Amino acid sequence: MDYDTYGSSAVELAIDLANAERDAGPEWAGAFLRAHDEWFEPGTALDLDPAAAAHAAATADLVRAVAVAASQAEVIERLNDLLELAHPKPYATDHDGELHLHYARADAPVLEQLTTTVAMGLSHVVVQHGWQRIGICSAEGCDDVYVDTSRNASRRYCSNTCASRSTVAAYRARRKA
């Protein structure tokens, strides 16, 4: 599956947001933004107050809701809920030497940039490649969201680690029986 570099990075940001560890309280959001600071203009404030962190968590939950949806109708509904939070103001740029679109203005607040980029990146993948390309890991004990970039849309695990762990567990179960 081929999709543009910026769009693929935007959907990876969405997946990272959905899989972000949020047990640390509202501080998780600032840590997430700092870990992904390449998405924001230098000097953008990356710390969020508790209300803004809750908004970022709601965005993450909507990405996850798209991934767990069981039908195209559910995906459309959940994706539209996510898009409702977005405020796209796309603009063309070549800041990295390659012409591409950014989904949110550079001077927008960090939460607006995050929400809009995540919503647009996820939307492009779903619309261009199908809603089945977004899923939840099938490995026992893992519920990470992933985007299926395989040629035949057959991916079931978020990583090679989960796939290998599941294969080994199935092998051991067969041997035991």
C-alpha atoms as a PDB file:
ATOM      1  CA  MET A   1       0.000   0.000   0.000  1.00  0.00           C
ATOM      2  CA  ASP A   2       1.474   3.315  -1.062  1.00  0.00           C
ATOM      3  CA  TYR A   3       0.487   6.663   0.329  1.00  0.00           C
ATOM      4  CA  ASP A   4       2.274   9.969   0.506  1.00  0.00           C
ATOM      5  CA  THR A   5       5.012  10.568   3.058  1.00  0.00           C
ATOM      6  CA  TYR A   6       3.293  13.378   4.950  1.00  0.00           C
ATOM      7  CA  GLY A   7      -0.020  11.527   5.003  1.00  0.00           C
ATOM      8  CA  SER A   8       1.652   8.325   6.148  1.00  0.00           C
ATOM      9  CA  SER A   9       3.419  10.212   8.893  1.00  0.00           C
ATOM     10  CA  ALA A  10       0.126  11.847   9.908  1.00  0.00           C
ATOM     11  CA  VAL A  11      -1.583   8.468  10.252  1.00  0.00           C
ATOM     12  CA  GLU A  12       1.426   7.198  12.214  1.00  0.00           C
ATOM     13  CA  LEU A  13       0.942  10.173  14.535  1.00  0.00           C
ATOM     14  CA  ALA A  14      -2.718   9.125  14.895  1.00  0.00           C
ATOM     15  CA  ILE A  15      -1.702   5.542  15.713  1.00  0.00           C
ATOM     16  CA  ASP A  16       0.895   6.740  18.233  1.00  0.00           C
ATOM     17  CA  LEU A  17      -1.726   8.963  19.860  1.00  0.00           C
ATOM     18  CA  ALA A  18      -4.242   6.097  20.115  1.00  0.00           C
ATOM     19  CA  ASN A  19      -1.555   3.863  21.655  1.00  0.00           C
ATOM     20  CA  ALA A  20      -0.124   6.515  24.012  1.00  0.00           C
ATOM     21  CA  GLU A  21       0.251   5.477  27.631  1.00  0.00           C
ATOM     22  CA  ARG A  22      -2.099   7.726  29.603  1.00  0.00           C
ATOM     23  CA  ASP A  23      -1.739   6.314  33.114  1.00  0.00           C
ATOM     24  CA  ALA A  24       0.457   9.210  34.280  1.00  0.00           C
ATOM     25  CA  GLY A  25      -2.463  11.633  34.468  1.00  0.00           C
ATOM     26  CA  PRO A  26      -2.698  14.817  32.375  1.00  0.00           C
ATOM     27  CA  GLU A  27       1.104  14.984  32.055  1.00  0.00           C
ATOM     28  CA  TRP A  28       0.943  12.251  29.426  1.00  0.00           C
ATOM     29  CA  ALA A  29      -0.195  14.767  26.812  1.00  0.00           C
ATOM     30  CA  GLY A  30       2.806  17.065  27.193  1.00  0.00           C
ATOM     31  CA  ALA A  31       5.155  14.078  27.138  1.00  0.00           C
ATOM     32  CA  PHE A  32       3.468  12.817  23.965  1.00  0.00           C
ATOM     33  CA  LEU A  33       3.723  16.218  22.268  1.00  0.00           C
ATOM     34  CA  ARG A  34       7.400  16.598  23.219  1.00  0.00           C
ATOM     35  CA  ALA A  35       8.101  13.102  21.843  1.00  0.00           C
ATOM     36  CA  HIS A  36       6.504  14.206  18.553  1.00  0.00           C
ATOM     37  CA  ASP A  37       7.779  17.794  18.491  1.00  0.00           C
ATOM     38  CA  GLU A  38       8.828  17.503  14.838  1.00  0.00           C
ATOM     39  CA  TRP A  39       5.157  18.070  13.987  1.00  0.00           C
ATOM     40  CA  PHE A  40       5.068  21.543  15.518  1.00  0.00           C
ATOM     41  CA  GLU A  41       6.703  24.836  14.718  1.00  0.00           C
ATOM     42  CA  PRO A  42       9.741  25.641  16.861  1.00  0.00           C
ATOM     43  CA  GLY A  43       8.639  27.623  19.877  1.00  0.00           C
ATOM     44  CA  THR A  44       5.140  26.102  20.001  1.00  0.00           C
ATOM     45  CA  ALA A  45       4.057  25.552  23.617  1.00  0.00           C
ATOM     46  CA  LEU A  46       3.793  21.780  24.078  1.00  0.00           C
ATOM     47  CA  ASP A  47       2.448  21.598  27.634  1.00  0.00           C
ATOM     48  CA  LEU A  48      -1.301  21.239  28.010  1.00  0.00           C
ATOM     49  CA  ASP A  49      -3.497  22.099  30.953  1.00  0.00           C
ATOM     50  CA  PRO A  50      -5.707  19.260  32.303  1.00  0.00           C
ATOM     51  CA  ALA A  51      -8.701  20.309  30.160  1.00  0.00           C
ATOM     52  CA  ALA A  52      -6.620  20.338  26.971  1.00  0.00           C
ATOM     53  CA  ALA A  53      -5.046  16.988  27.965  1.00  0.00           C
ATOM     54  CA  ALA A  54      -8.574  15.595  28.330  1.00  0.00           C
ATOM     55  CA  HIS A  55      -9.348  16.894  24.819  1.00  0.00           C
ATOM     56  CA  ALA A  56      -6.220  15.135  23.489  1.00  0.00           C
ATOM     57  CA  ALA A  57      -7.355  11.945  25.253  1.00  0.00           C
ATOM     58  CA  ALA A  58     -10.787  12.267  23.602  1.00  0.00           C
ATOM     59  CA  THR A  59      -9.056  12.568  20.228  1.00  0.00           C
ATOM     60  CA  ALA A  60      -7.036   9.420  21.004  1.00  0.00           C
ATOM     61  CA  ASP A  61     -10.241   7.622  21.993  1.00  0.00           C
ATOM     62  CA  LEU A  62     -11.870   8.587  18.686  1.00  0.00           C
ATOM     63  CA  VAL A  63      -8.913   7.202  16.722  1.00  0.00           C
ATOM     64  CA  ARG A  64      -9.261   3.966  18.692  1.00  0.00           C
ATOM     65  CA  ALA A  65     -13.030   3.976  18.060  1.00  0.00           C
ATOM     66  CA  VAL A  66     -12.370   4.062  14.310  1.00  0.00           C
ATOM     67  CA  ALA A  67     -10.008   1.096  14.685  1.00  0.00           C
ATOM     68  CA  VAL A  68     -12.497  -1.065  16.600  1.00  0.00           C
ATOM     69  CA  ALA A  69     -15.472  -0.279  14.364  1.00  0.00           C
ATOM     70  CA  ALA A  70     -17.012  -3.383  12.844  1.00  0.00           C
ATOM     71  CA  SER A  71     -18.572  -1.863   9.737  1.00  0.00           C
ATOM     72  CA  GLN A  72     -18.068   0.898   7.226  1.00  0.00           C
ATOM     73  CA  ALA A  73     -21.101   2.738   8.617  1.00  0.00           C
ATOM     74  CA  GLU A  74     -19.548   2.726  12.106  1.00  0.00           C
ATOM     75  CA  VAL A  75     -16.211   3.903  10.725  1.00  0.00           C
ATOM     76  CA  ILE A  76     -17.882   6.761   8.868  1.00  0.00           C
ATOM     77  CA  GLU A  77     -19.774   7.843  11.988  1.00  0.00           C
ATOM     78  CA  ARG A  78     -16.692   7.710  14.213  1.00  0.00           C
ATOM     79  CA  LEU A  79     -14.432   9.280  11.626  1.00  0.00           C
ATOM     80  CA  ASN A  80     -16.907  12.134  11.220  1.00  0.00           C
ATOM     81  CA  ASP A  81     -16.910  12.606  15.009  1.00  0.00           C
ATOM     82  CA  LEU A  82     -13.131  12.943  14.827  1.00  0.00           C
ATOM     83  CA  LEU A  83     -13.273  15.291  11.847  1.00  0.00           C
ATOM     84  CA  GLU A  84     -15.746  17.479  13.702  1.00  0.00           C
ATOM     85  CA  LEU A  85     -12.957  18.294  16.173  1.00  0.00           C
ATOM     86  CA  ALA A  86     -10.570  19.263  13.364  1.00  0.00           C
ATOM     87  CA  HIS A  87     -10.101  22.748  11.969  1.00  0.00           C
ATOM     88  CA  PRO A  88      -8.229  22.149   8.733  1.00  0.00           C
ATOM     89  CA  LYS A  89      -6.511  25.108   7.127  1.00  0.00           C
ATOM     90  CA  PRO A  90      -4.290  23.303   4.639  1.00  0.00           C
ATOM     91  CA  TYR A  91      -1.325  25.001   3.082  1.00  0.00           C
ATOM     92  CA  ALA A  92       1.454  23.916   0.743  1.00  0.00           C
ATOM     93  CA  THR A  93       5.031  24.012   1.940  1.00  0.00           C
ATOM     94  CA  ASP A  94       8.467  22.810   0.888  1.00  0.00           C
ATOM     95  CA  HIS A  95      10.201  23.431   4.233  1.00  0.00           C
ATOM     96  CA  ASP A  96      11.907  20.022   4.085  1.00  0.00           C
ATOM     97  CA  GLY A  97      12.811  20.226   0.394  1.00  0.00           C
ATOM     98  CA  GLU A  98       9.720  18.347  -0.789  1.00  0.00           C
ATOM     99  CA  LEU A  99       6.427  19.970  -1.719  1.00  0.00           C
ATOM    100  CA  HIS A 100       3.566  18.722   0.459  1.00  0.00           C
ATOM    101  CA  LEU A 101       0.475  19.860   2.349  1.00  0.00           C
ATOM    102  CA  HIS A 102       0.179  20.628   6.029  1.00  0.00           C
ATOM    103  CA  TYR A 103      -3.315  20.244   7.450  1.00  0.00           C
ATOM    104  CA  ALA A 104      -3.239  22.935  10.143  1.00  0.00           C
ATOM    105  CA  ARG A 105      -1.755  26.420  10.111  1.00  0.00           C
ATOM    106  CA  ALA A 106       1.676  26.734  11.656  1.00  0.00           C
ATOM    107  CA  ASP A 107       0.506  29.336  14.181  1.00  0.00           C
ATOM    108  CA  ALA A 108      -2.489  27.293  15.398  1.00  0.00           C
ATOM    109  CA  PRO A 109      -2.458  26.136  19.035  1.00  0.00           C
ATOM    110  CA  VAL A 110      -0.704  22.810  19.482  1.00  0.00           C
ATOM    111  CA  LEU A 111      -3.911  20.934  20.305  1.00  0.00           C
ATOM    112  CA  GLU A 112      -5.549  22.184  17.094  1.00  0.00           C
ATOM    113  CA  GLN A 113      -2.497  21.131  15.086  1.00  0.00           C
ATOM    114  CA  LEU A 114      -2.495  17.689  16.706  1.00  0.00           C
ATOM    115  CA  THR A 115      -6.223  17.038  16.334  1.00  0.00           C
ATOM    116  CA  THR A 116      -6.378  18.274  12.760  1.00  0.00           C
ATOM    117  CA  THR A 117      -3.301  16.373  11.617  1.00  0.00           C
ATOM    118  CA  VAL A 118      -4.492  13.144  13.243  1.00  0.00           C
ATOM    119  CA  ALA A 119      -8.029  13.485  11.846  1.00  0.00           C
ATOM    120  CA  MET A 120      -6.880  14.273   8.328  1.00  0.00           C
ATOM    121  CA  GLY A 121      -4.170  11.584   8.246  1.00  0.00           C
ATOM    122  CA  LEU A 122      -6.541   8.887   9.454  1.00  0.00           C
ATOM    123  CA  SER A 123      -9.258  10.077   7.083  1.00  0.00           C
ATOM    124  CA  HIS A 124      -6.995   9.872   4.041  1.00  0.00           C
ATOM    125  CA  VAL A 125      -6.017   6.278   4.790  1.00  0.00           C
ATOM    126  CA  VAL A 126      -9.615   5.181   5.432  1.00  0.00           C
ATOM    127  CA  VAL A 127     -11.027   6.950   2.370  1.00  0.00           C
ATOM    128  CA  GLN A 128      -8.237   6.031  -0.049  1.00  0.00           C
ATOM    129  CA  HIS A 129      -7.416   2.511   1.132  1.00  0.00           C
ATOM    130  CA  GLY A 130     -10.483   1.245   3.009  1.00  0.00           C
ATOM    131  CA  TRP A 131     -11.705   1.171   6.559  1.00  0.00           C
ATOM    132  CA  GLN A 132     -10.357  -2.357   7.080  1.00  0.00           C
ATOM    133  CA  ARG A 133      -6.797  -0.979   6.970  1.00  0.00           C
ATOM    134  CA  ILE A 134      -7.113   0.308  10.541  1.00  0.00           C
ATOM    135  CA  GLY A 135      -7.301  -2.346  13.241  1.00  0.00           C
ATOM    136  CA  ILE A 136      -6.564  -3.570  16.751  1.00  0.00           C
ATOM    137  CA  CYS A 137      -3.773  -6.062  17.444  1.00  0.00           C
ATOM    138  CA  SER A 138      -4.964  -9.682  17.675  1.00  0.00           C
ATOM    139  CA  ALA A 139      -2.241 -10.719  20.112  1.00  0.00           C
ATOM    140  CA  GLU A 140      -3.411 -11.768  23.546  1.00  0.00           C
ATOM    141  CA  GLY A 141      -2.825  -8.967  26.025  1.00  0.00           C
ATOM    142  CA  CYS A 142      -2.261  -6.298  23.359  1.00  0.00           C
ATOM    143  CA  ASP A 143      -4.841  -3.797  22.227  1.00  0.00           C
ATOM    144  CA  ASP A 144      -2.650  -1.468  20.191  1.00  0.00           C
ATOM    145  CA  VAL A 145      -4.063   0.209  17.115  1.00  0.00           C
ATOM    146  CA  TYR A 146      -2.232  -0.313  13.814  1.00  0.00           C
ATOM    147  CA  VAL A 147      -2.540   0.634  10.158  1.00  0.00           C
ATOM    148  CA  ASP A 148      -2.266  -2.280   7.744  1.00  0.00           C
ATOM    149  CA  THR A 149       0.206  -1.430   5.010  1.00  0.00           C
ATOM    150  CA  SER A 150       0.450  -4.981   3.666  1.00  0.00           C
ATOM    151  CA  ARG A 151      -0.212  -5.574   0.003  1.00  0.00           C
ATOM    152  CA  ASN A 152      -3.168  -7.906   0.564  1.00  0.00           C
ATOM    153  CA  ALA A 153      -4.660  -6.266   3.714  1.00  0.00           C
ATOM    154  CA  SER A 154      -3.898  -9.328   5.843  1.00  0.00           C
ATOM    155  CA  ARG A 155      -2.163  -7.794   8.852  1.00  0.00           C
ATOM    156  CA  ARG A 156      -3.504  -8.835  12.270  1.00  0.00           C
ATOM    157  CA  TYR A 157      -0.787  -7.678  14.655  1.00  0.00           C
ATOM    158  CA  CYS A 158       0.602  -4.276  15.604  1.00  0.00           C
ATOM    159  CA  SER A 159       4.219  -5.450  15.390  1.00  0.00           C
ATOM    160  CA  ASN A 160       6.477  -8.361  14.538  1.00  0.00           C
ATOM    161  CA  THR A 161       6.945  -8.869  18.286  1.00  0.00           C
ATOM    162  CA  CYS A 162       3.224  -9.515  18.831  1.00  0.00           C
ATOM    163  CA  ALA A 163       3.031 -11.726  15.732  1.00  0.00           C
ATOM    164  CA  SER A 164       6.009 -13.809  16.878  1.00  0.00           C
ATOM    165  CA  ARG A 165       4.721 -14.072  20.452  1.00  0.00           C
ATOM    166  CA  SER A 166       1.347 -15.300  19.157  1.00  0.00           C
ATOM    167  CA  THR A 167       2.953 -17.802  16.794  1.00  0.00           C
ATOM    168  CA  VAL A 168       5.124 -19.220  19.571  1.00  0.00           C
ATOM    169  CA  ALA A 169       2.158 -19.416  21.973  1.00  0.00           C
ATOM    170  CA  ALA A 170       0.070 -21.261  19.349  1.00  0.00           C
ATOM    171  CA  TYR A 171       2.962 -23.660  18.645  1.00  0.00           C
ATOM    172  CA  ARG A 172       3.422 -24.399  22.361  1.00  0.00           C
ATOM    173  CA  ALA A 173      -0.311 -24.935  22.796  1.00  0.00           C
ATOM    174  CA  ARG A 174      -0.341 -27.450  19.937  1.00  0.00           C
ATOM    175  CA  ARG A 175       2.693 -29.275  21.320  1.00  0.00           C
ATOM    176  CA  LYS A 176       1.140 -29.427  24.770  1.00  0.00           C
ATOM    177  CA  ALA A 177      -2.078 -30.934  23.400  1.00  0.00           C
END
